[in-house]
Amino acid sequence: MKVFDSIQENLLEAVAGFHEIPAGAFNIRANGETAARNCTEHITVEPKADGTGIVVTIAPGTIKESVHMPVIVSRSGLRETVYNDFYIGEGADVTIIAGCGIHNGGEESSRHDGVHRFFVARNAKIKYIEKHYGSGDGRGERIMNPRTVIEIEENGYMEMDTVQIRGVDSTVRNTEARLAAGARLVVLERLMTHGNQKAESYFRVAMNGKGAGANIVSRSVAKDDSFQLFSSNIEGNAECSGHTECDAIIMGNAKISAVPEITANHPDAALIHEAAIGKIAGEQIVKLMTLGLTEKEAEEQIISGFLK
């Protein structure tokens, strides 16, 4: 097992909550190579034959187990694309903790593109937690482009909690999902940009079976001269229910574009979209300042609560 330096340890703590190597199944990727890997009786983690990524297989009926899948980059100029597949067996109920942390202290851009495919079997349940984080005072950019492809079979369930709060200069986040009868997908995206950072999020969800449901919610804060784009398309192809929502705070000279779209291809598809962009209300700041906070502290308190 690789010995991690202090920078890598900080990245692991930021994206996966590691204070030490966890129990259970895990795969840690560091600077383009596998640094540590472990399987359990019910969860296998194996490299793909072509070396482009890994395959995680969770046995049917596996309950209350977890898989940790962090990626860390601490070498300036490294660029990679990784393809990971997850097979969640029938009736399983598991948590997968992933994410990527990049520390760039150099002049060249560092970039990680991760393609994750999830195949959720009948009656299976998965919670997927993904965190993105950047650090380092180098002039090279920190770039992360995650792509998530989801297939949920009958009565399967997936909850996706994705967070990007600081340090990522550029990101394009693509999520595609196809839901069979009774399947459900719940997504909460939280992100913050500042400086000249750019973040684009695209969601495409097709509900193809009776009783399918999707709830896509994005909460974001754009500061300084940063730019954000949120685009979602919820498609109802059967009797189903879908909801997509973008709620954003804009500050400084930032720009935000929200493009919620719903498409009903069945008379019993019940679909809702919502979008709201605005600045922090002045009375909120004044109220907190009367409690002894400075204006900056009040803003930070409001943003922290908004992104929880």
Protein backbone atom coordinates (compact mmCIF):
# COMPACT_ATOMS: atom_id res chain seq x y z
CA MET A 1 0.00 0.00 0.00
CA LYS A 2 1.28 3.44 -0.95
CA VAL A 3 2.39 5.83 1.79
CA PHE A 4 0.62 9.19 1.36
CA ASP A 5 2.31 12.54 1.96
CA SER A 6 0.63 15.37 3.89
CA ILE A 7 -0.88 16.99 0.78
CA GLN A 8 -2.42 13.71 -0.31
CA GLU A 9 -3.70 13.03 3.19
CA ASN A 10 -5.43 16.43 3.18
CA LEU A 11 -7.04 15.67 -0.18
CA LEU A 12 -8.29 12.29 1.04
CA GLU A 13 -9.82 13.88 4.12
CA ALA A 14 -11.50 16.61 2.01
CA VAL A 15 -13.13 14.31 -0.56
CA ALA A 16 -13.69 11.09 1.40
CA GLY A 17 -13.43 11.97 5.09
CA PHE A 18 -10.38 9.74 5.54
CA HIS A 19 -8.42 9.99 8.75
CA GLU A 20 -7.08 6.50 8.15
CA ILE A 21 -7.58 3.71 5.61
CA PRO A 22 -11.20 2.57 6.05
CA ALA A 23 -12.55 -0.88 6.72
CA GLY A 24 -14.54 -2.54 3.95
CA ALA A 25 -14.16 -2.27 0.20
CA PHE A 26 -12.19 0.61 -1.29
CA ASN A 27 -10.07 1.75 -4.20
CA ILE A 28 -7.76 4.76 -3.85
CA ARG A 29 -6.28 6.27 -7.00
CA ALA A 30 -3.36 8.69 -6.64
CA ASN A 31 -1.59 10.52 -9.48
CA GLY A 32 -2.88 8.18 -12.16
CA GLU A 33 -2.17 4.88 -10.38
CA THR A 34 -3.89 2.56 -7.94
CA ALA A 35 -2.52 3.33 -4.48
CA ALA A 36 -4.64 0.94 -2.40
CA ARG A 37 -7.48 -1.53 -2.97
CA ASN A 38 -9.53 -3.93 -0.89
CA CYS A 39 -12.47 -6.29 -1.46
CA THR A 40 -14.91 -7.90 0.97
CA GLU A 41 -16.99 -11.04 0.97
CA HIS A 42 -19.87 -9.27 -0.79
CA ILE A 43 -18.10 -6.50 -2.73
CA THR A 44 -15.39 -7.02 -5.33
CA VAL A 45 -13.23 -4.28 -6.85
CA GLU A 46 -11.35 -5.38 -9.97
CA PRO A 47 -9.33 -3.56 -12.64
CA LYS A 48 -10.67 -3.53 -16.18
CA ALA A 49 -8.75 -5.67 -18.62
CA ASP A 50 -7.83 -2.65 -20.75
CA GLY A 51 -6.51 -0.71 -17.75
CA THR A 52 -8.94 2.21 -18.16
CA GLY A 53 -10.64 1.87 -14.79
CA ILE A 54 -12.27 -0.58 -12.38
CA VAL A 55 -15.39 -2.71 -12.00
CA VAL A 56 -17.22 -2.80 -8.65
CA THR A 57 -19.64 -5.68 -8.16
CA ILE A 58 -21.99 -5.73 -5.18
CA ALA A 59 -23.64 -9.09 -4.51
CA PRO A 60 -27.44 -9.36 -4.34
CA GLY A 61 -28.82 -8.81 -0.84
CA THR A 62 -25.76 -6.93 0.47
CA ILE A 63 -26.96 -4.65 3.28
CA LYS A 64 -25.33 -1.74 5.12
CA GLU A 65 -21.92 -1.99 3.47
CA SER A 66 -19.95 0.79 1.82
CA VAL A 67 -17.36 1.35 -0.91
CA HIS A 68 -14.84 4.22 -0.87
CA MET A 69 -13.54 5.35 -4.28
CA PRO A 70 -11.51 8.58 -3.94
CA VAL A 71 -9.21 9.95 -6.63
CA ILE A 72 -6.44 12.40 -5.71
CA VAL A 73 -4.03 14.33 -7.92
CA SER A 74 -1.07 16.21 -6.45
CA ARG A 75 1.19 16.35 -9.50
CA SER A 76 0.89 19.45 -11.69
CA GLY A 77 0.24 18.73 -15.36
CA LEU A 78 -1.33 15.29 -14.88
CA ARG A 79 -4.33 14.58 -17.12
CA GLU A 80 -6.35 11.39 -17.08
CA THR A 81 -9.69 9.82 -17.98
CA VAL A 82 -10.98 6.91 -15.89
CA TYR A 83 -13.95 4.64 -16.61
CA ASN A 84 -15.56 2.89 -13.61
CA ASP A 85 -18.55 0.54 -13.66
CA PHE A 86 -20.74 -0.31 -10.66
CA TYR A 87 -23.08 -3.31 -10.59
CA ILE A 88 -25.47 -3.22 -7.62
CA GLY A 89 -27.17 -6.59 -7.13
CA GLU A 90 -30.87 -7.19 -6.57
CA GLY A 91 -32.09 -6.16 -3.12
CA ALA A 92 -28.77 -4.63 -2.05
CA ASP A 93 -28.66 -1.48 0.11
CA VAL A 94 -25.23 0.17 0.04
CA THR A 95 -23.36 3.48 0.13
CA ILE A 96 -20.65 4.49 -2.34
CA ILE A 97 -18.37 7.41 -1.43
CA ALA A 98 -16.39 8.80 -4.35
CA GLY A 99 -14.93 12.17 -5.29
CA CYS A 100 -11.82 13.82 -6.63
CA GLY A 101 -9.31 16.18 -5.05
CA ILE A 102 -6.65 18.07 -7.02
CA HIS A 103 -3.76 19.98 -5.48
CA ASN A 104 -1.93 22.05 -8.07
CA GLY A 105 1.16 23.93 -6.99
CA GLY A 106 2.64 24.28 -10.48
CA GLU A 107 2.20 26.08 -13.80
CA GLU A 108 0.47 23.35 -15.85
CA SER A 109 -3.19 22.43 -15.69
CA SER A 110 -4.18 19.23 -13.88
CA ARG A 111 -7.29 17.43 -15.11
CA HIS A 112 -9.33 14.41 -14.07
CA ASP A 113 -12.27 13.16 -16.15
CA GLY A 114 -14.21 10.39 -14.45
CA VAL A 115 -16.92 8.34 -16.18
CA HIS A 116 -19.04 6.33 -13.71
CA ARG A 117 -21.72 3.92 -14.89
CA PHE A 118 -24.22 2.55 -12.37
CA PHE A 119 -26.37 -0.50 -13.04
CA VAL A 120 -28.92 -0.71 -10.21
CA ALA A 121 -30.81 -4.03 -10.17
CA ARG A 122 -34.41 -4.66 -9.15
CA ASN A 123 -35.31 -3.53 -5.63
CA ALA A 124 -31.74 -2.38 -4.95
CA LYS A 125 -30.96 0.85 -3.11
CA ILE A 126 -27.81 2.95 -3.37
CA LYS A 127 -26.62 6.21 -1.88
CA TYR A 128 -23.84 7.80 -3.94
CA ILE A 129 -21.79 10.62 -2.37
CA GLU A 130 -19.42 12.57 -4.60
CA LYS A 131 -17.20 15.47 -3.50
CA HIS A 132 -14.90 17.62 -5.62
CA TYR A 133 -12.21 19.81 -4.10
CA GLY A 134 -9.20 21.81 -5.27
CA SER A 135 -6.22 23.34 -3.47
CA GLY A 136 -2.73 24.70 -4.18
CA ASP A 137 -1.36 28.14 -5.04
CA GLY A 138 0.06 27.26 -8.47
CA ARG A 139 -1.15 29.06 -11.58
CA GLY A 140 -2.10 25.80 -13.28
CA GLU A 141 -5.83 25.13 -13.43
CA ARG A 142 -7.65 22.39 -11.52
CA ILE A 143 -10.13 20.79 -13.92
CA MET A 144 -12.68 18.04 -13.14
CA ASN A 145 -15.26 16.70 -15.61
CA PRO A 146 -17.43 13.96 -14.06
CA ARG A 147 -19.88 12.01 -16.19
CA THR A 148 -22.43 9.76 -14.49
CA VAL A 149 -24.60 7.28 -16.37
CA ILE A 150 -27.37 5.56 -14.41
CA GLU A 151 -29.62 2.60 -15.27
CA ILE A 152 -32.21 1.73 -12.61
CA GLU A 153 -34.31 -1.40 -12.97
CA GLU A 154 -37.82 -2.00 -11.57
CA ASN A 155 -38.34 -0.53 -8.07
CA GLY A 156 -34.67 0.36 -7.71
CA TYR A 157 -33.62 3.55 -5.91
CA MET A 158 -30.58 5.82 -6.18
CA GLU A 159 -29.79 8.91 -4.12
CA MET A 160 -26.96 11.10 -5.41
CA ASP A 161 -25.39 13.80 -3.22
CA THR A 162 -22.78 15.78 -5.16
CA VAL A 163 -20.78 18.65 -3.65
CA GLN A 164 -18.24 21.14 -5.05
CA ILE A 165 -17.52 24.00 -2.68
CA ARG A 166 -14.06 25.35 -3.45
CA GLY A 167 -10.92 25.24 -5.53
CA VAL A 168 -12.16 23.84 -8.88
CA ASP A 169 -11.37 26.20 -11.76
CA SER A 170 -13.41 24.47 -14.46
CA THR A 171 -15.95 21.66 -14.43
CA VAL A 172 -18.49 20.18 -16.83
CA ARG A 173 -20.77 17.76 -14.98
CA ASN A 174 -22.96 15.41 -17.03
CA THR A 175 -25.55 13.08 -15.51
CA GLU A 176 -27.77 10.79 -17.58
CA ALA A 177 -30.36 8.39 -16.16
CA ARG A 178 -32.93 5.90 -17.41
CA LEU A 179 -35.60 4.68 -14.99
CA ALA A 180 -37.75 1.56 -15.32
CA ALA A 181 -41.15 0.99 -13.66
CA GLY A 182 -41.22 2.05 -10.02
CA ALA A 183 -37.60 3.24 -10.09
CA ARG A 184 -36.64 6.47 -8.33
CA LEU A 185 -33.73 8.89 -8.60
CA VAL A 186 -33.07 11.70 -6.09
CA VAL A 187 -30.25 14.19 -6.75
CA LEU A 188 -28.98 17.07 -4.61
CA GLU A 189 -26.23 19.15 -6.20
CA ARG A 190 -24.44 21.82 -4.15
CA LEU A 191 -21.71 23.99 -5.60
CA MET A 192 -19.96 27.30 -5.17
CA THR A 193 -17.75 29.18 -7.64
CA HIS A 194 -15.58 32.25 -7.15
CA GLY A 195 -12.89 34.21 -8.98
CA ASN A 196 -13.03 33.30 -12.67
CA GLN A 197 -14.22 29.73 -12.14
CA LYS A 198 -16.72 28.05 -14.46
CA ALA A 199 -19.17 25.28 -13.64
CA GLU A 200 -21.65 23.65 -16.02
CA SER A 201 -24.14 20.99 -14.91
CA TYR A 202 -26.27 18.94 -17.28
CA PHE A 203 -28.96 16.47 -16.19
CA ARG A 204 -30.91 14.23 -18.58
CA VAL A 205 -33.43 11.84 -17.00
CA ALA A 206 -35.79 9.54 -18.92
CA MET A 207 -38.58 7.94 -16.89
CA ASN A 208 -39.59 4.99 -19.03
CA GLY A 209 -41.77 2.89 -16.70
CA LYS A 210 -45.01 3.30 -14.81
CA GLY A 211 -44.52 4.75 -11.34
CA ALA A 212 -40.99 6.01 -12.00
CA GLY A 213 -39.96 9.21 -10.21
CA ALA A 214 -37.14 11.75 -10.26
CA ASN A 215 -36.30 14.75 -8.09
CA ILE A 216 -33.33 16.87 -9.27
CA VAL A 217 -32.36 19.82 -7.05
CA SER A 218 -29.41 22.17 -7.49
CA ARG A 219 -28.35 24.78 -4.92
CA SER A 220 -25.48 27.04 -5.91
CA VAL A 221 -23.62 30.24 -5.09
CA ALA A 222 -21.69 32.22 -7.72
CA LYS A 223 -19.25 34.90 -6.53
CA ASP A 224 -16.85 37.43 -8.10
CA ASP A 225 -16.56 36.93 -11.90
CA SER A 226 -17.48 33.25 -11.97
CA PHE A 227 -20.00 31.60 -14.29
CA GLN A 228 -22.51 28.80 -13.76
CA LEU A 229 -24.85 26.96 -16.09
CA PHE A 230 -27.54 24.56 -14.90
CA SER A 231 -29.40 22.57 -17.55
CA SER A 232 -31.87 19.80 -16.78
CA ASN A 233 -34.24 17.79 -18.95
CA ILE A 234 -36.79 15.54 -17.28
CA GLU A 235 -38.62 13.29 -19.76
CA GLY A 236 -41.77 11.40 -18.84
CA ASN A 237 -42.43 8.47 -21.16
CA ALA A 238 -44.99 6.72 -18.95
CA GLU A 239 -47.23 7.41 -15.96
CA CYS A 240 -44.60 8.97 -13.68
CA SER A 241 -43.66 12.03 -11.61
CA GLY A 242 -40.67 14.32 -12.00
CA HIS A 243 -39.39 17.54 -10.45
CA THR A 244 -36.36 19.68 -11.29
CA GLU A 245 -35.29 22.78 -9.36
CA CYS A 246 -32.44 25.29 -9.49
CA ASP A 247 -32.02 27.72 -6.59
CA ALA A 248 -29.02 30.05 -6.87
CA ILE A 249 -27.45 33.03 -5.09
CA ILE A 250 -25.52 35.48 -7.27
CA MET A 251 -22.87 37.87 -5.92
CA GLY A 252 -20.39 40.40 -7.34
CA ASN A 253 -20.10 40.26 -11.15
CA ALA A 254 -20.98 36.58 -11.46
CA LYS A 255 -23.29 35.16 -14.12
CA ILE A 256 -25.76 32.28 -13.77
CA SER A 257 -27.90 30.63 -16.42
CA ALA A 258 -30.64 28.11 -15.52
CA VAL A 259 -32.32 26.03 -18.23
CA PRO A 260 -34.90 23.69 -16.70
CA GLU A 261 -36.81 21.63 -19.27
CA ILE A 262 -39.60 19.08 -18.92
CA THR A 263 -40.99 16.86 -21.66
CA ALA A 264 -44.18 14.81 -21.26
CA ASN A 265 -44.61 12.01 -23.77
CA HIS A 266 -47.47 10.39 -21.83
CA PRO A 267 -50.76 11.94 -20.63
CA ASP A 268 -50.16 10.73 -17.06
CA ALA A 269 -46.66 12.15 -16.73
CA ALA A 270 -46.73 14.74 -13.91
CA LEU A 271 -43.72 17.05 -14.26
CA ILE A 272 -42.67 20.27 -12.50
CA HIS A 273 -39.74 22.63 -13.04
CA GLU A 274 -38.60 25.57 -10.91
CA ALA A 275 -35.74 28.07 -11.13
CA ALA A 276 -34.83 31.02 -8.90
CA ILE A 277 -31.74 33.25 -9.04
CA GLY A 278 -31.19 36.22 -6.74
CA LYS A 279 -28.89 38.01 -4.35
CA ILE A 280 -28.85 37.75 -0.58
CA ALA A 281 -31.60 39.89 0.89
CA GLY A 282 -30.29 42.96 2.71
CA GLU A 283 -32.59 42.42 5.68
CA GLN A 284 -31.05 38.97 6.25
CA ILE A 285 -27.58 40.50 6.56
CA VAL A 286 -28.81 43.34 8.80
CA LYS A 287 -30.55 40.86 11.11
CA LEU A 288 -27.37 38.83 11.60
CA MET A 289 -25.27 41.98 12.05
CA THR A 290 -27.51 42.99 14.96
CA LEU A 291 -26.39 39.76 16.60
CA GLY A 292 -22.77 40.88 16.46
CA LEU A 293 -21.57 39.49 13.11
CA THR A 294 -19.69 41.59 10.57
CA GLU A 295 -21.20 41.95 7.09
CA LYS A 296 -18.76 39.37 5.69
CA GLU A 297 -19.47 36.94 8.53
CA ALA A 298 -23.21 37.38 7.96
CA GLU A 299 -22.83 36.59 4.26
CA GLU A 300 -20.78 33.49 5.03
CA GLN A 301 -23.36 32.32 7.58
CA ILE A 302 -26.20 32.70 5.07
CA ILE A 303 -24.28 30.89 2.30
CA SER A 304 -23.29 28.06 4.63
CA GLY A 305 -26.88 27.48 5.63
CA PHE A 306 -28.09 27.71 2.02
CA LEU A 307 -25.64 25.04 0.80
CA LYS A 308 -26.33 22.54 3.60
